[in-house]
Amino acid sequence: MPVISNNVKISLFHSNILEENNAVRSSSVAVQHYEYTLGRELNVYGEAYGGNSESVLLAMVRVGSRDDLKIYYETLNNTYPTSYTFVMNAVYDESGHLSEYDGALVCEGYVVDVEESFSRDSASEGVQMSLIFRLLLTKMEFVGSGRNVVQRFSDWD
């Protein structure tokens, strides 16, 4: 399969970038895949009502070293929600700080499952580590460029 792009399209930060302005490239990991389902009850007119149904976000990230895995395993024992931010098309300044982006998805929730995956890369003859984690969502915000919150979901029952 040919390489389409060498640029990271989605980066994951272990914090809410709207609350903290110290997002640095070195503290992010590359996202290979993420998915979630968000559902609400609809009335006969097709309008949403009531709270959102429980939702789990699944994400697969590329991990540089075994030390990068620690944060995911540590959050498995948390009794409070953890924040994660998926940043689309991030641009960094000379010092490596996040300067702009096309959009972001700020999630808060509980890590409920973590699994590791290892594969050999024949081109670089190295081992590629990937991690899949599942996050039981308590809050989700869609953020446009310029830090404008576009839509917020936070009323899971």
C-alpha atoms as a PDB file:
ATOM      1  CA  MET A   1       0.000   0.000   0.000  1.00  0.00           C
ATOM      2  CA  PRO A   2       1.556   3.353  -0.995  1.00  0.00           C
ATOM      3  CA  VAL A   3       2.061   6.135   1.530  1.00  0.00           C
ATOM      4  CA  ILE A   4      -0.597   8.796   0.968  1.00  0.00           C
ATOM      5  CA  SER A   5       0.865  11.400   3.322  1.00  0.00           C
ATOM      6  CA  ASN A   6       3.665  11.614   5.834  1.00  0.00           C
ATOM      7  CA  ASN A   7       1.844  14.326   7.801  1.00  0.00           C
ATOM      8  CA  VAL A   8      -0.054  13.476  10.975  1.00  0.00           C
ATOM      9  CA  LYS A   9      -3.700  14.307  10.351  1.00  0.00           C
ATOM     10  CA  ILE A  10      -5.072  13.777  13.877  1.00  0.00           C
ATOM     11  CA  SER A  11      -3.127  14.221  17.115  1.00  0.00           C
ATOM     12  CA  LEU A  12      -4.284  13.169  20.575  1.00  0.00           C
ATOM     13  CA  PHE A  13      -3.500  15.214  23.680  1.00  0.00           C
ATOM     14  CA  HIS A  14      -4.093  13.908  27.225  1.00  0.00           C
ATOM     15  CA  SER A  15      -5.798  17.103  28.333  1.00  0.00           C
ATOM     16  CA  ASN A  16      -8.511  19.578  27.427  1.00  0.00           C
ATOM     17  CA  ILE A  17      -6.737  22.086  25.161  1.00  0.00           C
ATOM     18  CA  LEU A  18      -9.527  24.629  25.759  1.00  0.00           C
ATOM     19  CA  GLU A  19      -8.616  24.816  29.464  1.00  0.00           C
ATOM     20  CA  GLU A  20      -4.840  24.497  29.124  1.00  0.00           C
ATOM     21  CA  ASN A  21      -2.831  26.509  26.617  1.00  0.00           C
ATOM     22  CA  ASN A  22       0.318  24.385  26.879  1.00  0.00           C
ATOM     23  CA  ALA A  23      -0.355  21.796  24.184  1.00  0.00           C
ATOM     24  CA  VAL A  24       3.065  20.708  22.915  1.00  0.00           C
ATOM     25  CA  ARG A  25       3.807  18.412  19.980  1.00  0.00           C
ATOM     26  CA  SER A  26       5.956  16.136  22.155  1.00  0.00           C
ATOM     27  CA  SER A  27       3.005  15.448  24.472  1.00  0.00           C
ATOM     28  CA  SER A  28       0.766  14.206  21.658  1.00  0.00           C
ATOM     29  CA  VAL A  29       0.445  10.867  19.897  1.00  0.00           C
ATOM     30  CA  ALA A  30      -0.704  10.120  16.355  1.00  0.00           C
ATOM     31  CA  VAL A  31      -4.236   8.782  15.995  1.00  0.00           C
ATOM     32  CA  GLN A  32      -4.623   5.932  13.518  1.00  0.00           C
ATOM     33  CA  HIS A  33      -8.378   5.471  13.947  1.00  0.00           C
ATOM     34  CA  TYR A  34     -11.226   6.555  16.195  1.00  0.00           C
ATOM     35  CA  GLU A  35     -14.953   5.928  16.250  1.00  0.00           C
ATOM     36  CA  TYR A  36     -17.957   6.517  18.454  1.00  0.00           C
ATOM     37  CA  THR A  37     -21.733   6.341  18.282  1.00  0.00           C
ATOM     38  CA  LEU A  38     -23.819   9.081  19.807  1.00  0.00           C
ATOM     39  CA  GLY A  39     -27.538   8.445  20.095  1.00  0.00           C
ATOM     40  CA  ARG A  40     -30.614  10.237  21.395  1.00  0.00           C
ATOM     41  CA  GLU A  41     -34.289   9.416  21.537  1.00  0.00           C
ATOM     42  CA  LEU A  42     -36.464  11.059  18.871  1.00  0.00           C
ATOM     43  CA  ASN A  43     -40.121  12.005  19.166  1.00  0.00           C
ATOM     44  CA  VAL A  44     -42.694  11.490  16.396  1.00  0.00           C
ATOM     45  CA  TYR A  45     -41.568  14.767  14.769  1.00  0.00           C
ATOM     46  CA  GLY A  46     -37.936  13.643  14.623  1.00  0.00           C
ATOM     47  CA  GLU A  47     -36.797  16.068  17.350  1.00  0.00           C
ATOM     48  CA  ALA A  48     -34.291  14.905  19.953  1.00  0.00           C
ATOM     49  CA  TYR A  49     -35.392  14.808  23.581  1.00  0.00           C
ATOM     50  CA  GLY A  50     -34.052  13.480  26.848  1.00  0.00           C
ATOM     51  CA  GLY A  51     -30.456  12.626  27.581  1.00  0.00           C
ATOM     52  CA  ASN A  52     -27.929  11.029  25.284  1.00  0.00           C
ATOM     53  CA  SER A  53     -27.559   7.280  25.449  1.00  0.00           C
ATOM     54  CA  GLU A  54     -24.327   5.890  26.894  1.00  0.00           C
ATOM     55  CA  SER A  55     -21.561   6.096  24.359  1.00  0.00           C
ATOM     56  CA  VAL A  56     -18.093   4.577  24.116  1.00  0.00           C
ATOM     57  CA  LEU A  57     -15.329   6.116  22.033  1.00  0.00           C
ATOM     58  CA  LEU A  58     -12.769   3.683  20.634  1.00  0.00           C
ATOM     59  CA  ALA A  59      -9.387   5.061  19.572  1.00  0.00           C
ATOM     60  CA  MET A  60      -6.272   3.457  18.104  1.00  0.00           C
ATOM     61  CA  VAL A  61      -3.086   5.471  18.565  1.00  0.00           C
ATOM     62  CA  ARG A  62       0.508   4.961  17.494  1.00  0.00           C
ATOM     63  CA  VAL A  63       2.812   4.843  20.496  1.00  0.00           C
ATOM     64  CA  GLY A  64       6.522   5.726  20.378  1.00  0.00           C
ATOM     65  CA  SER A  65       7.736   3.843  23.438  1.00  0.00           C
ATOM     66  CA  ARG A  66       6.491   1.620  26.249  1.00  0.00           C
ATOM     67  CA  ASP A  67       6.709   4.593  28.604  1.00  0.00           C
ATOM     68  CA  ASP A  68       3.971   6.311  26.570  1.00  0.00           C
ATOM     69  CA  LEU A  69       1.621   3.451  27.488  1.00  0.00           C
ATOM     70  CA  LYS A  70       1.698   4.264  31.209  1.00  0.00           C
ATOM     71  CA  ILE A  71      -0.785   7.125  31.096  1.00  0.00           C
ATOM     72  CA  TYR A  72      -3.501   4.882  29.629  1.00  0.00           C
ATOM     73  CA  TYR A  73      -3.020   2.155  32.221  1.00  0.00           C
ATOM     74  CA  GLU A  74      -2.933   4.693  35.066  1.00  0.00           C
ATOM     75  CA  THR A  75      -6.289   6.145  34.005  1.00  0.00           C
ATOM     76  CA  LEU A  76      -7.907   2.696  34.200  1.00  0.00           C
ATOM     77  CA  ASN A  77      -7.884   3.045  38.005  1.00  0.00           C
ATOM     78  CA  ASN A  78      -9.267   6.604  38.077  1.00  0.00           C
ATOM     79  CA  THR A  79     -12.576   7.240  39.815  1.00  0.00           C
ATOM     80  CA  TYR A  80     -12.876  10.611  38.074  1.00  0.00           C
ATOM     81  CA  PRO A  81     -13.187  11.365  34.346  1.00  0.00           C
ATOM     82  CA  THR A  82     -10.089  12.051  32.231  1.00  0.00           C
ATOM     83  CA  SER A  83      -9.919  14.584  29.378  1.00  0.00           C
ATOM     84  CA  TYR A  84      -8.585  13.869  25.898  1.00  0.00           C
ATOM     85  CA  THR A  85      -8.474  16.138  22.845  1.00  0.00           C
ATOM     86  CA  PHE A  86      -8.378  14.913  19.247  1.00  0.00           C
ATOM     87  CA  VAL A  87      -6.900  17.739  17.132  1.00  0.00           C
ATOM     88  CA  MET A  88      -7.346  17.735  13.362  1.00  0.00           C
ATOM     89  CA  ASN A  89      -4.548  19.099  11.137  1.00  0.00           C
ATOM     90  CA  ALA A  90      -2.539  20.663  13.954  1.00  0.00           C
ATOM     91  CA  VAL A  91       0.034  23.360  13.180  1.00  0.00           C
ATOM     92  CA  TYR A  92       2.871  24.011  15.648  1.00  0.00           C
ATOM     93  CA  ASP A  93       5.113  27.043  16.079  1.00  0.00           C
ATOM     94  CA  GLU A  94       8.928  26.958  16.182  1.00  0.00           C
ATOM     95  CA  SER A  95       8.967  25.962  19.853  1.00  0.00           C
ATOM     96  CA  GLY A  96       6.601  23.021  19.241  1.00  0.00           C
ATOM     97  CA  HIS A  97       3.477  24.564  20.824  1.00  0.00           C
ATOM     98  CA  LEU A  98       0.096  24.150  19.157  1.00  0.00           C
ATOM     99  CA  SER A  99      -0.653  27.367  17.264  1.00  0.00           C
ATOM    100  CA  GLU A 100      -3.700  26.508  15.133  1.00  0.00           C
ATOM    101  CA  TYR A 101      -5.853  23.625  13.935  1.00  0.00           C
ATOM    102  CA  ASP A 102      -8.810  22.886  11.691  1.00  0.00           C
ATOM    103  CA  GLY A 103     -11.007  21.392  14.398  1.00  0.00           C
ATOM    104  CA  ALA A 104     -10.944  19.417  17.611  1.00  0.00           C
ATOM    105  CA  LEU A 105     -12.989  16.906  19.558  1.00  0.00           C
ATOM    106  CA  VAL A 106     -12.656  17.329  23.332  1.00  0.00           C
ATOM    107  CA  CYS A 107     -13.780  14.223  25.203  1.00  0.00           C
ATOM    108  CA  GLU A 108     -14.090  13.493  28.874  1.00  0.00           C
ATOM    109  CA  GLY A 109     -14.761  10.087  30.337  1.00  0.00           C
ATOM    110  CA  TYR A 110     -13.483   6.925  31.959  1.00  0.00           C
ATOM    111  CA  VAL A 111     -10.964   4.616  30.276  1.00  0.00           C
ATOM    112  CA  VAL A 112     -12.620   1.194  30.490  1.00  0.00           C
ATOM    113  CA  ASP A 113     -10.342  -0.969  28.316  1.00  0.00           C
ATOM    114  CA  VAL A 114      -6.785  -0.886  26.983  1.00  0.00           C
ATOM    115  CA  GLU A 115      -5.125  -3.325  24.584  1.00  0.00           C
ATOM    116  CA  GLU A 116      -1.720  -3.262  22.926  1.00  0.00           C
ATOM    117  CA  SER A 117      -0.742  -4.303  19.437  1.00  0.00           C
ATOM    118  CA  PHE A 118       2.751  -4.825  18.028  1.00  0.00           C
ATOM    119  CA  SER A 119       3.731  -5.212  14.379  1.00  0.00           C
ATOM    120  CA  ARG A 120       6.979  -5.305  12.430  1.00  0.00           C
ATOM    121  CA  ASP A 121       7.679  -2.617   9.880  1.00  0.00           C
ATOM    122  CA  SER A 122       9.689  -4.181   7.068  1.00  0.00           C
ATOM    123  CA  ALA A 123      10.823  -0.835   5.650  1.00  0.00           C
ATOM    124  CA  SER A 124      12.457   0.470   8.828  1.00  0.00           C
ATOM    125  CA  GLU A 125      12.938  -2.964  10.411  1.00  0.00           C
ATOM    126  CA  GLY A 126      11.443  -1.682  13.652  1.00  0.00           C
ATOM    127  CA  VAL A 127       8.532  -2.602  15.856  1.00  0.00           C
ATOM    128  CA  GLN A 128       5.424  -0.470  15.579  1.00  0.00           C
ATOM    129  CA  MET A 129       3.420  -0.213  18.815  1.00  0.00           C
ATOM    130  CA  SER A 130      -0.256   0.641  18.691  1.00  0.00           C
ATOM    131  CA  LEU A 131      -2.713   1.004  21.512  1.00  0.00           C
ATOM    132  CA  ILE A 132      -6.480   0.678  21.429  1.00  0.00           C
ATOM    133  CA  PHE A 133      -8.416   2.210  24.287  1.00  0.00           C
ATOM    134  CA  ARG A 134     -12.105   2.620  25.009  1.00  0.00           C
ATOM    135  CA  LEU A 135     -13.445   5.702  26.735  1.00  0.00           C
ATOM    136  CA  LEU A 136     -16.902   5.716  28.374  1.00  0.00           C
ATOM    137  CA  LEU A 137     -17.949   9.268  27.534  1.00  0.00           C
ATOM    138  CA  THR A 138     -19.340  11.743  30.053  1.00  0.00           C
ATOM    139  CA  LYS A 139     -18.807  14.874  27.953  1.00  0.00           C
ATOM    140  CA  MET A 140     -17.938  15.687  24.341  1.00  0.00           C
ATOM    141  CA  GLU A 141     -17.356  19.029  22.630  1.00  0.00           C
ATOM    142  CA  PHE A 142     -16.830  19.709  18.943  1.00  0.00           C
ATOM    143  CA  VAL A 143     -14.505  22.687  18.524  1.00  0.00           C
ATOM    144  CA  GLY A 144     -13.931  24.666  15.358  1.00  0.00           C
ATOM    145  CA  SER A 145     -10.787  26.590  14.490  1.00  0.00           C
ATOM    146  CA  GLY A 146     -10.291  29.587  16.742  1.00  0.00           C
ATOM    147  CA  ARG A 147     -11.391  27.621  19.840  1.00  0.00           C
ATOM    148  CA  ASN A 148     -15.099  28.149  19.184  1.00  0.00           C
ATOM    149  CA  VAL A 149     -17.200  25.373  20.709  1.00  0.00           C
ATOM    150  CA  VAL A 150     -19.530  24.276  17.941  1.00  0.00           C
ATOM    151  CA  GLN A 151     -21.595  21.679  19.757  1.00  0.00           C
ATOM    152  CA  ARG A 152     -21.575  20.223  23.256  1.00  0.00           C
ATOM    153  CA  PHE A 153     -22.955  16.912  24.524  1.00  0.00           C
ATOM    154  CA  SER A 154     -22.728  16.367  28.261  1.00  0.00           C
ATOM    155  CA  ASP A 155     -26.010  15.064  29.608  1.00  0.00           C
ATOM    156  CA  TRP A 156     -25.473  11.310  29.651  1.00  0.00           C
ATOM    157  CA  ASP A 157     -27.776   9.624  32.114  1.00  0.00           C
END
